[in-house]
Amino acid sequence: MTEGPLLVARDLVVRYRDVEAVCGVSFAVHRGEVVGLIGPDAAGKTSTLRVLGGLLRATGGHAGALGVDCWLARRGLHRRLGYLAQRFALYGDLTVDENVQFFALMYGVRSWRSRRDELLELVGLARFRQRVADHLSGGMRQKLALACTLIHSPEVLLLDEPTTGVDPVTRRELWRLLADLVADGLTLVVATPYLDEAERCTRVLLMHEGRVLVDDRPAAIRARLPGRVVEITTADRATASAALATCREVVDVTVFGASLHARVEGTDDAEAAVRTALAAGGVRDATLRTVRPGLEDAFLFLTRSGPPQPSQEAT
């Protein structure tokens, strides 16, 4: 018989006084998945993770992990889950070795010395084991926090924005480490505001204002975006945006870094429609190319297209 989900949220609600941070969210996580909770600040990502980790009592609905209620069985559950918070509580006056030892003893890990050595090699901190945590870079502190979170060999790892504030090289290294952990059988739920990181997930929940807009694979979410996306590079984005607003085929225009993304419907030649609109508006220096829609394009479309769709049924 197929194993059931490791994590389940059904109609989950989290309310802080008059603010509803999570509004009826439902989803399930199965073994071996990498599920991304993706969205901006105040989307409800952290509150959802804290409920699943047994750190916060839900206002309404149900949250279960590894076959037990997340809140009622929270004490025992902490020994089977790993939770990496945005600001992990490392001890700055302890060395790398001593920090990992502290968490090993707190979790009651036997043979923790060999496990510590293994983890420090995994995260690339073995040669820094005698350095105090306050003297580590931001990226090294995050790697140490990951080692401390893994010391008790959790079955599921919950990560709350693990790459926020670290440099791009460290971001890639952390995701490489996570990929290795998944290959070894770990299940991950990752909250992040970075839509590019969603591409590394097997499944994505796009969250906005406490609700799930869509729960699906990254490729399937991109496919939901109707029309084609044309990228426009020009020195005068304001004039280009105004010109595109007059084009019937252009549904919306979004600033993407130094470029614009125009979503075009109702024509087979999207670039020709955009080029005609720009020329009519006096924009002569524009460079155009049709690009594959990204998750950011899809997220903006979903937030503009009305009420969110119901979350995928938690089974």
Protein backbone atom coordinates (compact mmCIF):
# COMPACT_ATOMS: atom_id res chain seq x y z
CA MET A 1 0.00 0.00 0.00
CA THR A 2 1.27 3.46 -0.85
CA GLU A 3 2.58 5.36 2.14
CA GLY A 4 0.50 8.33 3.20
CA PRO A 5 1.76 11.90 3.46
CA LEU A 6 4.38 12.85 6.03
CA LEU A 7 2.87 16.30 6.56
CA VAL A 8 -0.76 17.36 6.24
CA ALA A 9 -2.44 20.74 6.60
CA ARG A 10 -6.24 20.92 6.33
CA ASP A 11 -8.04 24.25 6.34
CA LEU A 12 -5.20 25.69 8.41
CA VAL A 13 -5.86 29.07 10.01
CA VAL A 14 -3.43 31.21 12.01
CA ARG A 15 -4.67 34.44 13.52
CA TYR A 16 -2.72 37.05 15.49
CA ARG A 17 -5.36 39.15 17.26
CA ASP A 18 -7.20 40.82 14.36
CA VAL A 19 -4.74 39.70 11.65
CA GLU A 20 -5.35 36.42 9.84
CA ALA A 21 -1.89 35.35 8.68
CA VAL A 22 -2.95 31.96 7.27
CA CYS A 23 -6.41 31.64 5.75
CA GLY A 24 -7.65 28.08 5.23
CA VAL A 25 -4.52 26.54 3.70
CA SER A 26 -4.57 22.84 2.76
CA PHE A 27 -1.78 20.69 1.32
CA ALA A 28 0.12 17.45 1.86
CA VAL A 29 3.81 16.55 1.64
CA HIS A 30 4.96 13.05 0.70
CA ARG A 31 8.27 11.34 1.36
CA GLY A 32 11.13 12.49 -0.86
CA GLU A 33 9.45 15.70 -2.00
CA VAL A 34 10.99 19.16 -1.99
CA VAL A 35 8.01 21.45 -1.42
CA GLY A 36 8.49 25.20 -1.68
CA LEU A 37 6.31 27.72 0.13
CA ILE A 38 6.94 30.68 -2.15
CA GLY A 39 5.75 34.22 -1.68
CA PRO A 40 6.58 37.71 -0.45
CA ASP A 41 6.71 38.88 3.16
CA ALA A 42 3.39 38.47 5.01
CA ALA A 43 2.31 35.64 2.69
CA GLY A 44 1.91 33.25 5.64
CA LYS A 45 4.97 31.08 4.97
CA THR A 46 6.63 31.29 8.38
CA SER A 47 3.38 30.83 10.30
CA THR A 48 2.59 27.71 8.26
CA LEU A 49 6.04 26.24 8.93
CA ARG A 50 5.85 27.01 12.65
CA VAL A 51 2.54 25.18 12.92
CA LEU A 52 3.92 22.15 11.07
CA GLY A 53 6.98 22.16 13.33
CA GLY A 54 4.87 22.16 16.50
CA LEU A 55 6.12 25.60 17.49
CA LEU A 56 2.81 27.43 17.06
CA ARG A 57 -0.73 26.36 17.81
CA ALA A 58 -3.07 26.83 14.88
CA THR A 59 -6.16 28.97 15.40
CA GLY A 60 -8.20 26.58 13.28
CA GLY A 61 -7.94 23.55 11.04
CA HIS A 62 -5.61 20.58 11.43
CA ALA A 63 -1.85 20.08 11.06
CA GLY A 64 -0.30 16.63 11.23
CA ALA A 65 3.26 15.38 10.88
CA LEU A 66 4.54 11.81 10.73
CA GLY A 67 1.14 10.47 11.76
CA VAL A 68 0.59 12.64 14.84
CA ASP A 69 -0.99 16.00 15.63
CA CYS A 70 1.68 18.69 15.32
CA TRP A 71 0.64 20.54 18.48
CA LEU A 72 -0.54 17.75 20.77
CA ALA A 73 2.54 15.59 20.05
CA ARG A 74 5.00 18.47 19.72
CA ARG A 75 7.49 17.29 22.35
CA GLY A 76 8.10 13.94 20.71
CA LEU A 77 7.80 15.39 17.23
CA HIS A 78 10.76 17.72 17.77
CA ARG A 79 13.02 14.66 17.84
CA ARG A 80 11.83 13.57 14.39
CA LEU A 81 11.67 16.93 12.63
CA GLY A 82 14.39 19.43 11.83
CA TYR A 83 13.50 23.12 11.89
CA LEU A 84 15.89 25.79 10.60
CA ALA A 85 14.51 29.20 11.55
CA GLN A 86 15.32 32.49 9.84
CA ARG A 87 17.50 33.41 12.83
CA PHE A 88 18.88 30.17 14.17
CA ALA A 89 20.02 30.29 17.82
CA LEU A 90 23.75 29.64 17.51
CA TYR A 91 25.93 30.49 20.47
CA GLY A 92 28.48 33.07 19.38
CA ASP A 93 31.03 32.37 22.12
CA LEU A 94 31.09 28.62 21.40
CA THR A 95 33.19 27.04 18.67
CA VAL A 96 31.75 25.24 15.66
CA ASP A 97 32.40 21.92 17.42
CA GLU A 98 30.80 23.08 20.64
CA ASN A 99 27.66 24.38 18.94
CA VAL A 100 27.03 21.04 17.24
CA GLN A 101 27.81 19.19 20.48
CA PHE A 102 25.30 21.33 22.38
CA PHE A 103 22.46 20.43 20.02
CA ALA A 104 23.52 16.78 19.96
CA LEU A 105 23.29 16.58 23.75
CA MET A 106 20.02 18.53 23.78
CA TYR A 107 18.46 15.95 21.42
CA GLY A 108 20.01 13.02 23.27
CA VAL A 109 21.98 11.81 20.24
CA ARG A 110 24.15 8.77 20.88
CA SER A 111 27.53 8.48 19.12
CA TRP A 112 27.24 12.18 18.38
CA ARG A 113 30.97 12.66 17.79
CA SER A 114 31.01 10.60 14.60
CA ARG A 115 27.75 12.23 13.46
CA ARG A 116 29.25 15.68 14.12
CA ASP A 117 32.36 14.85 12.09
CA GLU A 118 30.21 13.60 9.22
CA LEU A 119 28.06 16.73 9.16
CA LEU A 120 30.95 19.18 9.39
CA GLU A 121 32.58 17.45 6.41
CA LEU A 122 29.24 17.62 4.56
CA VAL A 123 28.80 21.38 5.05
CA GLY A 124 32.47 22.20 4.51
CA LEU A 125 33.26 23.39 8.05
CA ALA A 126 35.56 20.59 9.24
CA ARG A 127 38.66 22.80 9.03
CA PHE A 128 36.92 25.59 10.95
CA ARG A 129 35.73 23.47 13.85
CA GLN A 130 37.73 25.40 16.48
CA ARG A 131 36.53 28.83 15.28
CA VAL A 132 33.95 30.56 17.47
CA ALA A 133 30.59 31.16 15.80
CA ASP A 134 30.82 34.96 16.16
CA HIS A 135 33.85 34.90 13.85
CA LEU A 136 32.11 33.03 11.04
CA SER A 137 30.78 34.70 7.90
CA GLY A 138 27.02 34.80 7.30
CA GLY A 139 27.17 31.88 4.91
CA MET A 140 29.32 29.79 7.27
CA ARG A 141 26.93 30.48 10.14
CA GLN A 142 24.05 29.23 8.00
CA LYS A 143 25.98 26.05 7.19
CA LEU A 144 26.69 25.54 10.88
CA ALA A 145 23.01 26.07 11.65
CA LEU A 146 22.15 23.39 9.08
CA ALA A 147 24.60 20.95 10.69
CA CYS A 148 23.04 21.62 14.12
CA THR A 149 19.56 21.07 12.67
CA LEU A 150 20.58 17.73 11.16
CA ILE A 151 22.49 16.33 14.16
CA HIS A 152 19.54 14.18 15.32
CA SER A 153 18.90 12.75 11.80
CA PRO A 154 15.37 14.15 11.27
CA GLU A 155 12.97 12.53 8.82
CA VAL A 156 11.64 15.87 7.58
CA LEU A 157 13.48 19.19 7.40
CA LEU A 158 11.59 22.50 7.59
CA LEU A 159 13.62 25.51 6.43
CA ASP A 160 12.46 29.09 6.82
CA GLU A 161 14.19 31.29 4.24
CA PRO A 162 17.56 29.49 4.59
CA THR A 163 19.31 31.58 1.91
CA THR A 164 18.09 35.06 2.88
CA GLY A 165 21.02 37.41 3.41
CA VAL A 166 23.72 35.12 2.05
CA ASP A 167 25.82 35.68 -1.06
CA PRO A 168 24.99 33.98 -4.40
CA VAL A 169 27.84 31.47 -4.11
CA THR A 170 26.68 30.34 -0.69
CA ARG A 171 23.09 30.12 -1.96
CA ARG A 172 24.21 27.65 -4.63
CA GLU A 173 26.27 25.68 -2.10
CA LEU A 174 23.36 25.44 0.33
CA TRP A 175 21.03 24.19 -2.41
CA ARG A 176 23.66 21.65 -3.47
CA LEU A 177 23.79 20.42 0.12
CA LEU A 178 20.00 20.19 0.25
CA ALA A 179 19.93 18.25 -3.02
CA ASP A 180 22.40 15.74 -1.55
CA LEU A 181 20.23 15.37 1.54
CA VAL A 182 17.14 14.71 -0.57
CA ALA A 183 19.07 12.10 -2.57
CA ASP A 184 19.77 10.38 0.77
CA GLY A 185 16.05 10.24 1.56
CA LEU A 186 15.28 13.45 3.45
CA THR A 187 12.01 15.31 2.79
CA LEU A 188 12.18 19.11 2.63
CA VAL A 189 9.71 21.96 3.03
CA VAL A 190 11.36 25.27 2.20
CA ALA A 191 9.91 28.75 2.66
CA THR A 192 11.54 31.40 0.49
CA PRO A 193 10.68 34.72 -1.17
CA TYR A 194 12.99 33.89 -4.11
CA LEU A 195 11.00 32.64 -7.07
CA ASP A 196 14.15 31.36 -8.80
CA GLU A 197 14.59 28.90 -5.93
CA ALA A 198 11.14 27.50 -6.64
CA GLU A 199 12.61 25.92 -9.77
CA ARG A 200 14.63 23.63 -7.48
CA CYS A 201 11.47 22.26 -5.84
CA THR A 202 9.48 19.25 -6.98
CA ARG A 203 6.30 21.10 -6.02
CA VAL A 204 5.50 24.72 -5.27
CA LEU A 205 2.80 26.45 -3.26
CA LEU A 206 2.58 30.06 -4.42
CA MET A 207 1.29 31.97 -1.39
CA HIS A 208 -0.15 35.46 -1.17
CA GLU A 209 -1.82 37.17 1.80
CA GLY A 210 -2.20 33.93 3.72
CA ARG A 211 -3.69 31.88 0.90
CA VAL A 212 -2.38 29.37 -1.61
CA LEU A 213 -2.83 30.69 -5.14
CA VAL A 214 -1.75 27.43 -6.74
CA ASP A 215 -0.14 24.13 -5.67
CA ASP A 216 1.63 22.38 -8.53
CA ARG A 217 4.92 21.54 -10.22
CA PRO A 218 6.95 24.57 -11.39
CA ALA A 219 6.52 23.66 -15.07
CA ALA A 220 2.77 23.25 -14.66
CA ILE A 221 2.49 26.64 -12.93
CA ARG A 222 4.34 28.35 -15.78
CA ALA A 223 2.01 26.62 -18.24
CA ARG A 224 -1.00 28.26 -16.58
CA LEU A 225 0.08 31.66 -17.90
CA PRO A 226 -1.92 32.41 -21.08
CA GLY A 227 -0.32 34.09 -24.07
CA ARG A 228 3.34 34.73 -24.76
CA VAL A 229 5.89 36.85 -22.93
CA VAL A 230 8.06 39.33 -24.82
CA GLU A 231 11.08 40.82 -23.09
CA ILE A 232 11.80 44.44 -24.00
CA THR A 233 15.10 46.15 -23.33
CA THR A 234 15.09 49.92 -23.77
CA ALA A 235 16.62 53.02 -22.22
CA ASP A 236 13.18 54.59 -21.77
CA ARG A 237 11.02 52.07 -19.95
CA ALA A 238 8.42 54.65 -18.92
CA THR A 239 7.69 55.64 -22.52
CA ALA A 240 7.69 51.99 -23.58
CA SER A 241 5.22 51.06 -20.83
CA ALA A 242 2.91 53.89 -21.87
CA ALA A 243 3.09 52.82 -25.52
CA LEU A 244 2.35 49.19 -24.69
CA ALA A 245 -0.67 50.21 -22.61
CA THR A 246 -2.36 51.31 -25.86
CA CYS A 247 -1.84 47.94 -27.55
CA ARG A 248 -4.93 45.74 -27.55
CA GLU A 249 -2.93 42.51 -27.66
CA VAL A 250 -0.74 43.42 -24.66
CA VAL A 251 -2.52 42.21 -21.52
CA ASP A 252 -0.04 43.45 -18.94
CA VAL A 253 3.47 44.87 -18.61
CA THR A 254 5.83 44.23 -15.69
CA VAL A 255 9.26 45.61 -14.84
CA PHE A 256 11.87 42.82 -14.65
CA GLY A 257 15.21 44.31 -13.59
CA ALA A 258 16.44 46.47 -16.46
CA SER A 259 13.82 45.09 -18.85
CA LEU A 260 10.06 44.90 -19.31
CA HIS A 261 7.97 41.77 -19.72
CA ALA A 262 4.89 42.22 -21.89
CA ARG A 263 2.33 39.41 -21.94
CA VAL A 264 0.66 39.22 -25.33
CA GLU A 265 -2.55 37.39 -26.26
CA GLY A 266 -4.66 37.11 -29.39
CA THR A 267 -1.92 37.02 -32.03
CA ASP A 268 0.52 34.48 -33.45
CA ASP A 269 3.30 37.07 -33.81
CA ALA A 270 3.70 38.57 -30.33
CA GLU A 271 6.92 40.41 -31.14
CA ALA A 272 5.37 42.12 -34.18
CA ALA A 273 2.47 43.43 -32.09
CA VAL A 274 4.86 44.79 -29.46
CA ARG A 275 7.18 46.32 -32.05
CA THR A 276 4.27 48.11 -33.74
CA ALA A 277 3.04 49.54 -30.43
CA LEU A 278 6.51 50.74 -29.46
CA ALA A 279 7.09 52.40 -32.82
CA ALA A 280 3.74 54.18 -32.58
CA GLY A 281 4.79 55.48 -29.16
CA GLY A 282 8.11 56.80 -30.40
CA VAL A 283 10.34 54.09 -28.90
CA ARG A 284 13.09 53.33 -31.42
CA ASP A 285 15.88 51.69 -29.43
CA ALA A 286 14.03 48.64 -28.09
CA THR A 287 15.43 45.13 -28.34
CA LEU A 288 12.80 42.37 -28.28
CA ARG A 289 12.84 38.65 -27.70
CA THR A 290 10.18 36.10 -26.81
CA VAL A 291 11.08 34.37 -23.53
CA ARG A 292 9.79 31.39 -21.61
CA PRO A 293 7.42 32.58 -18.87
CA GLY A 294 8.98 32.39 -15.44
CA LEU A 295 7.36 31.69 -12.11
CA GLU A 296 7.44 35.40 -11.36
CA ASP A 297 5.34 36.03 -14.49
CA ALA A 298 2.91 33.35 -13.34
CA PHE A 299 2.80 34.68 -9.77
CA LEU A 300 2.00 38.22 -10.93
CA PHE A 301 -0.69 36.88 -13.26
CA LEU A 302 -2.29 34.84 -10.48
CA THR A 303 -2.29 37.75 -8.02
CA ARG A 304 -3.96 39.98 -10.63
CA SER A 305 -6.51 37.48 -11.88
CA GLY A 306 -8.96 37.56 -9.00
CA PRO A 307 -9.58 35.36 -5.97
CA PRO A 308 -7.11 32.51 -5.40
CA GLN A 309 -7.96 29.03 -6.54
CA PRO A 310 -8.68 26.43 -3.84
CA SER A 311 -5.60 24.70 -2.49
CA GLN A 312 -4.82 21.20 -3.71
CA GLU A 313 -6.69 18.67 -1.57
CA ALA A 314 -4.56 17.26 1.23
CA THR A 315 -4.70 13.52 0.92
